[in-house]
Amino acid sequence: ATGNIGLVTNYEASATNLRIEDSELFPAYPSAWIDGIKGANFTADRVNVHGTVDNIRVHGDNVAVRNSYLHDSQYFESDPNQGGRPTHNDGVQVLGGSNISIVGNSISEAHNAGIQVTQGYAPIRDLVIRDNYADGGGCTINMHHVGGSSMSGITVNDNRFGRDTRVFDCAILGSKQTTFTAEGNVWDHDGEPVR
């Protein structure tokens, strides 16, 4: 790869209802340019994605990621997308859009975040993160406000978290300009509530 691509990419607004299911996706030749599934208007169901910078990268509306195994995203010490600094690899990165759900997945072994939420591409509305097992990253779910006046409409409920983060026991982090609800989230090993 010589530029940013996904193993599966859907950027066309007219291309709706794309389904990727019961599939394993990984690059034969890993590169700092390659993500797993990226774009908008798709459903990823029961997929196994690994070896890419971001396993899933959301750039728009109407995305569902469910019942999937997203793991071992690829870390590079030098990434041209980061000005030569290390990659910001995530299990799922949501850059903007509405009607997005991340439900029932196992997400682990990403260096930056299991789920990274920003709105560098577009405002975020109606994002549901529910019933996942998630672990790894600096903080496992990192909602970092970028662009616009605020970030809201996010629900983080009934997730189970591992404790393998670079920041001690950091399951969920939200910037001061991010409004979200979080209920029923627990540590996987003992069932204790996540604050």
N, C-alpha and C. Protein backbone atom coordinates (compact mmCIF):
# COMPACT_ATOMS: atom_id res chain seq x y z
N ALA A 1 0.84 -1.20 0.00
CA ALA A 1 0.00 0.00 0.00
C ALA A 1 0.88 1.24 0.00
N THR A 2 0.45 2.23 -0.77
CA THR A 2 1.18 3.49 -0.83
C THR A 2 0.32 4.66 -0.38
N GLY A 3 -0.90 4.39 0.08
CA GLY A 3 -1.81 5.40 0.59
C GLY A 3 -2.85 4.74 1.47
N ASN A 4 -3.62 5.53 2.19
CA ASN A 4 -4.59 4.99 3.14
C ASN A 4 -5.69 4.20 2.43
N ILE A 5 -5.85 2.95 2.84
CA ILE A 5 -6.89 2.09 2.29
C ILE A 5 -7.42 1.19 3.41
N GLY A 6 -8.58 0.65 3.20
CA GLY A 6 -9.10 -0.40 4.05
C GLY A 6 -9.12 -1.70 3.27
N LEU A 7 -9.02 -2.81 3.97
CA LEU A 7 -9.19 -4.08 3.27
C LEU A 7 -10.59 -4.12 2.65
N VAL A 8 -11.55 -3.51 3.34
CA VAL A 8 -12.89 -3.24 2.79
C VAL A 8 -13.15 -1.77 3.05
N THR A 9 -13.50 -1.01 2.00
CA THR A 9 -13.74 0.43 2.14
C THR A 9 -15.08 0.77 1.49
N ASN A 10 -15.91 1.53 2.20
CA ASN A 10 -17.18 1.99 1.64
C ASN A 10 -17.34 3.47 1.93
N TYR A 11 -16.95 4.31 0.98
CA TYR A 11 -17.07 5.76 1.13
C TYR A 11 -18.23 6.35 0.32
N GLU A 12 -18.77 5.61 -0.62
CA GLU A 12 -19.81 6.15 -1.49
C GLU A 12 -21.12 6.29 -0.72
N ALA A 13 -21.67 7.49 -0.65
CA ALA A 13 -22.93 7.72 0.07
C ALA A 13 -24.07 6.91 -0.51
N SER A 14 -24.02 6.63 -1.81
CA SER A 14 -25.09 5.88 -2.46
C SER A 14 -24.95 4.37 -2.24
N ALA A 15 -23.82 3.93 -1.71
CA ALA A 15 -23.60 2.49 -1.47
C ALA A 15 -24.05 2.18 -0.05
N THR A 16 -25.29 1.75 0.09
CA THR A 16 -25.88 1.50 1.40
C THR A 16 -26.08 0.01 1.63
N ASN A 17 -26.24 -0.34 2.90
CA ASN A 17 -26.56 -1.71 3.31
C ASN A 17 -25.49 -2.74 2.95
N LEU A 18 -24.23 -2.33 2.90
CA LEU A 18 -23.14 -3.28 2.70
C LEU A 18 -23.03 -4.17 3.94
N ARG A 19 -22.91 -5.47 3.76
CA ARG A 19 -22.74 -6.41 4.87
C ARG A 19 -21.44 -7.18 4.68
N ILE A 20 -20.64 -7.21 5.76
CA ILE A 20 -19.44 -8.04 5.81
C ILE A 20 -19.68 -8.99 6.97
N GLU A 21 -19.77 -10.28 6.71
CA GLU A 21 -20.11 -11.20 7.79
C GLU A 21 -19.37 -12.52 7.65
N ASP A 22 -19.18 -13.18 8.80
CA ASP A 22 -18.54 -14.50 8.84
C ASP A 22 -17.24 -14.52 8.05
N SER A 23 -16.39 -13.51 8.28
CA SER A 23 -15.17 -13.37 7.49
C SER A 23 -13.98 -13.02 8.39
N GLU A 24 -12.80 -13.46 7.97
CA GLU A 24 -11.55 -13.05 8.61
C GLU A 24 -10.83 -12.11 7.66
N LEU A 25 -10.42 -10.95 8.20
CA LEU A 25 -9.74 -9.94 7.39
C LEU A 25 -8.40 -9.62 8.02
N PHE A 26 -7.33 -9.77 7.25
CA PHE A 26 -6.00 -9.37 7.69
C PHE A 26 -5.13 -9.17 6.45
N PRO A 27 -4.18 -8.23 6.52
CA PRO A 27 -3.34 -7.96 5.35
C PRO A 27 -2.22 -8.99 5.22
N ALA A 28 -1.98 -9.41 4.00
CA ALA A 28 -0.84 -10.30 3.75
C ALA A 28 0.47 -9.55 4.02
N TYR A 29 0.48 -8.25 3.76
CA TYR A 29 1.66 -7.42 3.96
C TYR A 29 1.26 -6.21 4.81
N PRO A 30 1.32 -6.32 6.15
CA PRO A 30 0.90 -5.21 7.02
C PRO A 30 1.67 -3.93 6.70
N SER A 31 0.95 -2.81 6.85
CA SER A 31 1.52 -1.51 6.52
C SER A 31 0.82 -0.46 7.37
N ALA A 32 1.51 0.64 7.64
CA ALA A 32 0.91 1.77 8.36
C ALA A 32 -0.22 2.41 7.57
N TRP A 33 -0.39 2.06 6.31
CA TRP A 33 -1.44 2.62 5.46
C TRP A 33 -2.74 1.82 5.52
N ILE A 34 -2.74 0.62 6.11
CA ILE A 34 -3.87 -0.30 5.94
C ILE A 34 -4.72 -0.43 7.20
N ASP A 35 -6.03 -0.15 7.06
CA ASP A 35 -7.03 -0.42 8.09
C ASP A 35 -7.84 -1.64 7.66
N GLY A 36 -8.69 -2.11 8.57
CA GLY A 36 -9.53 -3.27 8.27
C GLY A 36 -10.73 -2.88 7.43
N ILE A 37 -11.83 -2.51 8.10
CA ILE A 37 -13.04 -2.05 7.42
C ILE A 37 -13.17 -0.56 7.71
N LYS A 38 -13.44 0.23 6.67
CA LYS A 38 -13.55 1.67 6.90
C LYS A 38 -14.63 2.28 6.03
N GLY A 39 -15.20 3.38 6.54
CA GLY A 39 -16.20 4.11 5.78
C GLY A 39 -17.50 4.23 6.55
N ALA A 40 -18.62 4.11 5.83
CA ALA A 40 -19.96 4.29 6.39
C ALA A 40 -20.92 3.33 5.71
N ASN A 41 -22.17 3.32 6.20
CA ASN A 41 -23.24 2.51 5.59
C ASN A 41 -22.88 1.04 5.47
N PHE A 42 -22.36 0.46 6.57
CA PHE A 42 -22.03 -0.97 6.53
C PHE A 42 -22.38 -1.63 7.86
N THR A 43 -22.58 -2.93 7.79
CA THR A 43 -22.72 -3.78 8.97
C THR A 43 -21.61 -4.81 8.92
N ALA A 44 -20.84 -4.90 10.02
CA ALA A 44 -19.83 -5.94 10.17
C ALA A 44 -20.34 -6.89 11.26
N ASP A 45 -20.62 -8.12 10.90
CA ASP A 45 -21.20 -9.09 11.83
C ASP A 45 -20.37 -10.37 11.81
N ARG A 46 -19.91 -10.77 12.97
CA ARG A 46 -19.11 -11.99 13.13
C ARG A 46 -17.85 -11.96 12.24
N VAL A 47 -17.12 -10.83 12.31
CA VAL A 47 -15.87 -10.74 11.58
C VAL A 47 -14.69 -10.83 12.54
N ASN A 48 -13.60 -11.32 12.06
CA ASN A 48 -12.34 -11.43 12.79
C ASN A 48 -11.34 -10.56 12.04
N VAL A 49 -11.00 -9.40 12.63
CA VAL A 49 -10.10 -8.46 11.96
C VAL A 49 -8.86 -8.28 12.81
N HIS A 50 -7.68 -8.43 12.20
CA HIS A 50 -6.42 -8.26 12.92
C HIS A 50 -5.31 -7.89 11.94
N GLY A 51 -4.21 -7.36 12.49
CA GLY A 51 -3.05 -7.03 11.68
C GLY A 51 -3.14 -5.72 10.92
N THR A 52 -4.17 -4.91 11.19
CA THR A 52 -4.33 -3.62 10.54
C THR A 52 -4.11 -2.51 11.57
N VAL A 53 -3.93 -1.27 11.12
CA VAL A 53 -3.73 -0.17 12.07
C VAL A 53 -4.99 0.02 12.91
N ASP A 54 -6.12 0.33 12.29
CA ASP A 54 -7.41 0.31 12.97
C ASP A 54 -8.17 -0.90 12.42
N ASN A 55 -8.73 -1.71 13.31
CA ASN A 55 -9.52 -2.84 12.82
C ASN A 55 -10.77 -2.34 12.10
N ILE A 56 -11.45 -1.36 12.71
CA ILE A 56 -12.63 -0.73 12.10
C ILE A 56 -12.45 0.78 12.22
N ARG A 57 -12.72 1.50 11.12
CA ARG A 57 -12.64 2.97 11.15
C ARG A 57 -13.93 3.52 10.54
N VAL A 58 -14.69 4.27 11.36
CA VAL A 58 -16.00 4.77 10.96
C VAL A 58 -15.89 6.23 10.55
N HIS A 59 -16.33 6.52 9.31
CA HIS A 59 -16.31 7.86 8.73
C HIS A 59 -17.70 8.27 8.29
N GLY A 60 -18.74 8.03 9.06
CA GLY A 60 -20.06 8.45 8.60
C GLY A 60 -21.18 7.68 9.25
N ASP A 61 -22.36 7.77 8.65
CA ASP A 61 -23.60 7.28 9.26
C ASP A 61 -23.84 5.80 9.00
N ASN A 62 -24.75 5.25 9.83
CA ASN A 62 -25.35 3.93 9.61
C ASN A 62 -24.31 2.81 9.58
N VAL A 63 -23.66 2.64 10.73
CA VAL A 63 -22.66 1.59 10.88
C VAL A 63 -23.02 0.72 12.08
N ALA A 64 -22.97 -0.59 11.90
CA ALA A 64 -23.15 -1.53 13.00
C ALA A 64 -21.98 -2.50 13.00
N VAL A 65 -21.33 -2.61 14.15
CA VAL A 65 -20.24 -3.58 14.34
C VAL A 65 -20.70 -4.49 15.47
N ARG A 66 -20.91 -5.77 15.18
CA ARG A 66 -21.47 -6.64 16.20
C ARG A 66 -20.92 -8.06 16.12
N ASN A 67 -20.88 -8.67 17.29
CA ASN A 67 -20.50 -10.09 17.42
C ASN A 67 -19.16 -10.40 16.77
N SER A 68 -18.23 -9.46 16.83
CA SER A 68 -16.97 -9.60 16.10
C SER A 68 -15.77 -9.67 17.03
N TYR A 69 -14.67 -10.19 16.51
CA TYR A 69 -13.41 -10.33 17.23
C TYR A 69 -12.41 -9.38 16.58
N LEU A 70 -12.13 -8.27 17.26
CA LEU A 70 -11.24 -7.23 16.76
C LEU A 70 -10.02 -7.21 17.67
N HIS A 71 -8.87 -7.57 17.14
CA HIS A 71 -7.72 -7.81 18.00
C HIS A 71 -6.41 -7.59 17.26
N ASP A 72 -5.34 -7.48 18.06
CA ASP A 72 -3.98 -7.41 17.53
C ASP A 72 -3.84 -6.41 16.39
N SER A 73 -4.34 -5.18 16.62
CA SER A 73 -4.11 -4.15 15.61
C SER A 73 -2.60 -3.90 15.53
N GLN A 74 -2.15 -3.49 14.36
CA GLN A 74 -0.72 -3.40 14.08
C GLN A 74 -0.14 -2.06 14.53
N TYR A 75 0.91 -2.10 15.32
CA TYR A 75 1.58 -0.90 15.81
C TYR A 75 2.87 -0.69 15.03
N PHE A 76 3.10 0.54 14.59
CA PHE A 76 4.33 0.89 13.89
C PHE A 76 4.98 2.06 14.61
N GLU A 77 6.29 2.01 14.79
CA GLU A 77 7.02 3.09 15.44
C GLU A 77 6.99 4.39 14.64
N SER A 78 6.87 4.26 13.32
CA SER A 78 6.82 5.45 12.45
C SER A 78 5.64 5.32 11.50
N ASP A 79 4.73 6.30 11.58
CA ASP A 79 3.52 6.27 10.76
C ASP A 79 3.45 7.59 9.99
N PRO A 80 3.42 7.54 8.65
CA PRO A 80 3.33 8.79 7.88
C PRO A 80 2.06 9.58 8.19
N ASN A 81 0.99 8.92 8.62
CA ASN A 81 -0.25 9.62 8.98
C ASN A 81 -0.12 10.39 10.27
N GLN A 82 0.89 10.08 11.07
CA GLN A 82 1.14 10.76 12.34
C GLN A 82 2.41 11.60 12.29
N GLY A 83 2.83 12.00 11.10
CA GLY A 83 4.02 12.82 10.95
C GLY A 83 5.30 12.10 11.35
N GLY A 84 5.31 10.78 11.18
CA GLY A 84 6.49 9.99 11.53
C GLY A 84 6.50 9.50 12.97
N ARG A 85 5.53 9.95 13.78
CA ARG A 85 5.41 9.44 15.14
C ARG A 85 4.74 8.06 15.10
N PRO A 86 4.64 7.37 16.23
CA PRO A 86 4.02 6.03 16.22
C PRO A 86 2.55 6.06 15.83
N THR A 87 2.06 4.90 15.37
CA THR A 87 0.66 4.78 14.99
C THR A 87 -0.27 4.96 16.19
N HIS A 88 -1.47 5.43 15.89
CA HIS A 88 -2.56 5.50 16.87
C HIS A 88 -3.54 4.38 16.55
N ASN A 89 -3.12 3.15 16.75
CA ASN A 89 -3.96 2.04 16.32
C ASN A 89 -5.04 1.72 17.35
N ASP A 90 -6.26 1.49 16.83
CA ASP A 90 -7.44 1.27 17.64
C ASP A 90 -8.20 0.03 17.16
N GLY A 91 -8.92 -0.60 18.09
CA GLY A 91 -9.84 -1.65 17.68
C GLY A 91 -10.93 -1.07 16.80
N VAL A 92 -11.58 -0.01 17.29
CA VAL A 92 -12.58 0.74 16.52
C VAL A 92 -12.28 2.22 16.71
N GLN A 93 -12.21 2.97 15.62
CA GLN A 93 -12.11 4.42 15.70
C GLN A 93 -13.33 5.02 15.03
N VAL A 94 -14.06 5.86 15.78
CA VAL A 94 -15.24 6.54 15.26
C VAL A 94 -14.87 8.01 15.08
N LEU A 95 -14.78 8.44 13.83
CA LEU A 95 -14.39 9.80 13.49
C LEU A 95 -15.58 10.73 13.26
N GLY A 96 -16.78 10.17 13.19
CA GLY A 96 -17.97 10.99 13.01
C GLY A 96 -19.09 10.22 12.37
N GLY A 97 -20.31 10.72 12.60
CA GLY A 97 -21.47 10.10 11.99
C GLY A 97 -22.58 9.89 13.01
N SER A 98 -23.70 9.37 12.53
CA SER A 98 -24.84 9.09 13.41
C SER A 98 -25.36 7.68 13.11
N ASN A 99 -26.16 7.18 14.06
CA ASN A 99 -26.71 5.83 13.96
C ASN A 99 -25.58 4.80 13.86
N ILE A 100 -24.74 4.80 14.89
CA ILE A 100 -23.58 3.90 14.95
C ILE A 100 -23.73 3.03 16.18
N SER A 101 -23.58 1.71 16.01
CA SER A 101 -23.64 0.80 17.16
C SER A 101 -22.46 -0.16 17.15
N ILE A 102 -21.88 -0.34 18.34
CA ILE A 102 -20.77 -1.27 18.55
C ILE A 102 -21.24 -2.20 19.67
N VAL A 103 -21.72 -3.39 19.29
CA VAL A 103 -22.47 -4.23 20.23
C VAL A 103 -22.00 -5.69 20.16
N GLY A 104 -21.70 -6.26 21.33
CA GLY A 104 -21.45 -7.69 21.44
C GLY A 104 -20.12 -8.17 20.90
N ASN A 105 -19.12 -7.30 20.89
CA ASN A 105 -17.81 -7.64 20.32
C ASN A 105 -16.78 -7.96 21.39
N SER A 106 -15.70 -8.60 20.97
CA SER A 106 -14.49 -8.74 21.78
C SER A 106 -13.42 -7.89 21.13
N ILE A 107 -12.94 -6.88 21.87
CA ILE A 107 -12.00 -5.90 21.32
C ILE A 107 -10.79 -5.84 22.24
N SER A 108 -9.61 -6.16 21.70
CA SER A 108 -8.42 -6.21 22.56
C SER A 108 -7.15 -5.96 21.76
N GLU A 109 -6.10 -5.67 22.52
CA GLU A 109 -4.73 -5.59 22.02
C GLU A 109 -4.53 -4.50 20.97
N ALA A 110 -5.09 -3.33 21.27
CA ALA A 110 -4.79 -2.13 20.47
C ALA A 110 -3.93 -1.22 21.33
N HIS A 111 -2.95 -0.59 20.75
CA HIS A 111 -2.01 0.23 21.51
C HIS A 111 -2.64 1.54 21.96
N ASN A 112 -3.39 2.23 21.10
CA ASN A 112 -3.95 3.52 21.46
C ASN A 112 -5.23 3.37 22.28
N ALA A 113 -6.25 2.70 21.74
CA ALA A 113 -7.52 2.50 22.46
C ALA A 113 -8.27 1.32 21.86
N GLY A 114 -9.02 0.64 22.71
CA GLY A 114 -9.93 -0.37 22.18
C GLY A 114 -10.97 0.29 21.29
N ILE A 115 -11.59 1.37 21.81
CA ILE A 115 -12.53 2.18 21.05
C ILE A 115 -12.15 3.65 21.22
N GLN A 116 -11.80 4.30 20.12
CA GLN A 116 -11.43 5.72 20.11
C GLN A 116 -12.56 6.50 19.45
N VAL A 117 -13.10 7.50 20.15
CA VAL A 117 -14.21 8.30 19.62
C VAL A 117 -13.77 9.75 19.54
N THR A 118 -13.79 10.32 18.34
CA THR A 118 -13.52 11.74 18.13
C THR A 118 -14.58 12.23 17.13
N GLN A 119 -14.54 13.45 16.79
CA GLN A 119 -15.39 13.91 15.70
C GLN A 119 -14.59 14.78 14.75
N GLY A 120 -13.41 14.30 14.42
CA GLY A 120 -12.55 15.03 13.50
C GLY A 120 -13.09 15.03 12.08
N TYR A 121 -13.97 14.09 11.74
CA TYR A 121 -14.54 14.00 10.40
C TYR A 121 -15.91 14.68 10.33
N ALA A 122 -16.77 14.42 11.34
CA ALA A 122 -18.13 14.96 11.38
C ALA A 122 -18.65 14.87 12.81
N PRO A 123 -19.69 15.62 13.16
CA PRO A 123 -20.28 15.48 14.50
C PRO A 123 -20.76 14.04 14.74
N ILE A 124 -20.76 13.65 16.00
CA ILE A 124 -21.21 12.31 16.38
C ILE A 124 -22.55 12.44 17.08
N ARG A 125 -23.51 11.62 16.62
CA ARG A 125 -24.83 11.53 17.24
C ARG A 125 -25.25 10.07 17.24
N ASP A 126 -25.96 9.68 18.28
CA ASP A 126 -26.54 8.34 18.35
C ASP A 126 -25.49 7.23 18.21
N LEU A 127 -24.52 7.25 19.11
CA LEU A 127 -23.50 6.21 19.17
C LEU A 127 -23.79 5.33 20.38
N VAL A 128 -23.94 4.02 20.16
CA VAL A 128 -24.20 3.06 21.22
C VAL A 128 -23.03 2.08 21.30
N ILE A 129 -22.44 1.97 22.50
CA ILE A 129 -21.37 1.00 22.77
C ILE A 129 -21.90 0.11 23.89
N ARG A 130 -22.26 -1.14 23.57
CA ARG A 130 -22.98 -1.97 24.54
C ARG A 130 -22.58 -3.45 24.44
N ASP A 131 -22.54 -4.10 25.59
CA ASP A 131 -22.36 -5.56 25.69
C ASP A 131 -21.07 -6.05 25.03
N ASN A 132 -20.02 -5.26 25.10
CA ASN A 132 -18.72 -5.67 24.56
C ASN A 132 -17.80 -6.14 25.68
N TYR A 133 -16.83 -7.00 25.33
CA TYR A 133 -15.65 -7.21 26.16
C TYR A 133 -14.57 -6.34 25.52
N ALA A 134 -13.94 -5.47 26.32
CA ALA A 134 -12.93 -4.57 25.76
C ALA A 134 -11.75 -4.47 26.71
N ASP A 135 -10.55 -4.41 26.14
CA ASP A 135 -9.33 -4.34 26.94
C ASP A 135 -8.23 -3.69 26.11
N GLY A 136 -7.25 -3.14 26.81
CA GLY A 136 -6.06 -2.61 26.15
C GLY A 136 -6.13 -1.12 25.87
N GLY A 137 -5.05 -0.63 25.28
CA GLY A 137 -4.92 0.78 24.95
C GLY A 137 -4.41 1.59 26.13
N GLY A 138 -4.27 2.91 25.91
CA GLY A 138 -3.95 3.79 27.03
C GLY A 138 -5.12 3.78 28.00
N CYS A 139 -6.30 4.11 27.51
CA CYS A 139 -7.58 3.87 28.16
C CYS A 139 -8.40 3.08 27.14
N THR A 140 -9.18 2.12 27.61
CA THR A 140 -9.83 1.21 26.67
C THR A 140 -10.85 1.91 25.80
N ILE A 141 -11.76 2.71 26.39
CA ILE A 141 -12.65 3.56 25.59
C ILE A 141 -12.22 5.00 25.85
N ASN A 142 -11.80 5.67 24.79
CA ASN A 142 -11.28 7.04 24.90
C ASN A 142 -12.14 7.94 24.02
N MET A 143 -12.94 8.80 24.67
CA MET A 143 -13.78 9.75 23.94
C MET A 143 -13.13 11.12 24.06
N HIS A 144 -12.40 11.48 23.01
CA HIS A 144 -11.59 12.69 23.03
C HIS A 144 -12.21 13.70 22.07
N HIS A 145 -12.80 14.74 22.62
CA HIS A 145 -13.49 15.76 21.83
C HIS A 145 -12.52 16.44 20.86
N VAL A 146 -12.87 16.39 19.58
CA VAL A 146 -12.11 17.08 18.55
C VAL A 146 -13.12 17.76 17.63
N GLY A 147 -13.02 19.05 17.47
CA GLY A 147 -13.89 19.76 16.54
C GLY A 147 -15.30 19.96 17.08
N GLY A 148 -15.98 21.01 16.62
CA GLY A 148 -17.33 21.31 17.07
C GLY A 148 -17.34 21.83 18.49
N SER A 149 -18.52 22.20 18.97
CA SER A 149 -18.61 22.79 20.30
C SER A 149 -18.63 21.74 21.41
N SER A 150 -19.14 20.54 21.12
CA SER A 150 -19.19 19.48 22.11
C SER A 150 -19.43 18.15 21.40
N MET A 151 -19.38 17.08 22.18
CA MET A 151 -19.66 15.76 21.63
C MET A 151 -20.67 15.09 22.56
N SER A 152 -21.80 14.65 22.02
CA SER A 152 -22.85 14.10 22.87
C SER A 152 -23.60 12.99 22.12
N GLY A 153 -24.63 12.45 22.79
CA GLY A 153 -25.42 11.38 22.16
C GLY A 153 -24.72 10.04 22.19
N ILE A 154 -23.89 9.80 23.22
CA ILE A 154 -23.10 8.57 23.32
C ILE A 154 -23.58 7.78 24.53
N THR A 155 -23.84 6.49 24.33
CA THR A 155 -24.23 5.59 25.41
C THR A 155 -23.21 4.47 25.51
N VAL A 156 -22.68 4.25 26.74
CA VAL A 156 -21.69 3.20 26.99
C VAL A 156 -22.25 2.34 28.12
N ASN A 157 -22.95 1.26 27.79
CA ASN A 157 -23.65 0.46 28.79
C ASN A 157 -23.31 -1.02 28.71
N ASP A 158 -23.26 -1.65 29.90
CA ASP A 158 -23.20 -3.11 30.05
C ASP A 158 -22.00 -3.74 29.35
N ASN A 159 -20.86 -3.07 29.41
CA ASN A 159 -19.62 -3.60 28.85
C ASN A 159 -18.79 -4.23 29.97
N ARG A 160 -17.93 -5.20 29.61
CA ARG A 160 -16.99 -5.81 30.53
C ARG A 160 -15.58 -5.39 30.11
N PHE A 161 -14.75 -5.05 31.10
CA PHE A 161 -13.43 -4.50 30.80
C PHE A 161 -12.32 -5.36 31.42
N GLY A 162 -11.26 -5.57 30.64
CA GLY A 162 -10.03 -6.12 31.18
C GLY A 162 -9.21 -5.01 31.81
N ARG A 163 -8.11 -5.38 32.43
CA ARG A 163 -7.27 -4.38 33.11
C ARG A 163 -5.91 -4.19 32.46
N ASP A 164 -5.78 -4.56 31.21
CA ASP A 164 -4.49 -4.46 30.52
C ASP A 164 -4.42 -3.13 29.76
N THR A 165 -4.39 -2.02 30.52
CA THR A 165 -4.26 -0.70 29.90
C THR A 165 -2.92 -0.09 30.30
N ARG A 166 -2.43 0.84 29.47
CA ARG A 166 -1.17 1.51 29.79
C ARG A 166 -1.34 2.51 30.92
N VAL A 167 -2.56 3.06 31.09
CA VAL A 167 -2.88 3.93 32.22
C VAL A 167 -3.62 3.06 33.23
N PHE A 168 -3.21 3.06 34.47
CA PHE A 168 -3.72 2.12 35.47
C PHE A 168 -5.24 2.11 35.53
N ASP A 169 -5.84 0.95 35.25
CA ASP A 169 -7.28 0.71 35.36
C ASP A 169 -8.13 1.79 34.69
N CYS A 170 -7.76 2.19 33.49
CA CYS A 170 -8.50 3.23 32.77
C CYS A 170 -9.42 2.57 31.75
N ALA A 171 -10.66 2.33 32.17
CA ALA A 171 -11.62 1.70 31.27
C ALA A 171 -12.26 2.71 30.32
N ILE A 172 -12.76 3.84 30.88
CA ILE A 172 -13.49 4.83 30.09
C ILE A 172 -12.95 6.22 30.41
N LEU A 173 -12.61 6.97 29.38
CA LEU A 173 -12.13 8.33 29.54
C LEU A 173 -12.92 9.23 28.59
N GLY A 174 -13.46 10.33 29.12
CA GLY A 174 -14.16 11.29 28.27
C GLY A 174 -13.62 12.68 28.50
N SER A 175 -13.46 13.44 27.42
CA SER A 175 -13.00 14.82 27.56
C SER A 175 -14.08 15.66 28.22
N LYS A 176 -13.71 16.84 28.72
CA LYS A 176 -14.67 17.71 29.41
C LYS A 176 -15.80 18.16 28.52
N GLN A 177 -15.62 18.18 27.22
CA GLN A 177 -16.67 18.60 26.30
C GLN A 177 -17.42 17.42 25.70
N THR A 178 -17.32 16.27 26.34
CA THR A 178 -18.03 15.08 25.89
C THR A 178 -19.10 14.72 26.92
N THR A 179 -20.33 14.58 26.46
CA THR A 179 -21.43 14.16 27.32
C THR A 179 -21.85 12.76 26.91
N PHE A 180 -21.83 11.83 27.89
CA PHE A 180 -22.22 10.46 27.59
C PHE A 180 -22.87 9.84 28.82
N THR A 181 -23.64 8.79 28.61
CA THR A 181 -24.18 8.02 29.73
C THR A 181 -23.45 6.70 29.80
N ALA A 182 -23.19 6.24 31.01
CA ALA A 182 -22.48 4.97 31.21
C ALA A 182 -23.12 4.25 32.39
N GLU A 183 -23.70 3.08 32.13
CA GLU A 183 -24.34 2.29 33.17
C GLU A 183 -24.03 0.82 32.97
N GLY A 184 -23.92 0.09 34.07
CA GLY A 184 -23.78 -1.35 34.02
C GLY A 184 -22.44 -1.86 33.53
N ASN A 185 -21.42 -1.01 33.49
CA ASN A 185 -20.09 -1.43 33.04
C ASN A 185 -19.32 -2.01 34.23
N VAL A 186 -18.65 -3.15 34.01
CA VAL A 186 -17.96 -3.85 35.10
C VAL A 186 -16.59 -4.33 34.65
N TRP A 187 -15.72 -4.57 35.67
CA TRP A 187 -14.45 -5.24 35.42
C TRP A 187 -14.74 -6.72 35.20
N ASP A 188 -14.17 -7.30 34.17
CA ASP A 188 -14.48 -8.67 33.80
C ASP A 188 -14.07 -9.68 34.87
N HIS A 189 -12.94 -9.46 35.52
CA HIS A 189 -12.40 -10.50 36.41
C HIS A 189 -13.16 -10.62 37.72
N ASP A 190 -13.85 -9.56 38.18
CA ASP A 190 -14.53 -9.67 39.47
C ASP A 190 -15.95 -9.09 39.48
N GLY A 191 -16.40 -8.52 38.37
CA GLY A 191 -17.76 -8.00 38.29
C GLY A 191 -17.97 -6.69 39.03
N GLU A 192 -16.88 -6.08 39.53
CA GLU A 192 -17.00 -4.81 40.23
C GLU A 192 -17.31 -3.69 39.25
N PRO A 193 -18.12 -2.71 39.65
CA PRO A 193 -18.48 -1.63 38.72
C PRO A 193 -17.28 -0.81 38.27
N VAL A 194 -17.33 -0.37 37.03
CA VAL A 194 -16.34 0.56 36.48
C VAL A 194 -16.88 1.97 36.72
N ARG A 195 -16.04 2.84 37.26
CA ARG A 195 -16.46 4.24 37.47
C ARG A 195 -15.98 5.10 36.32
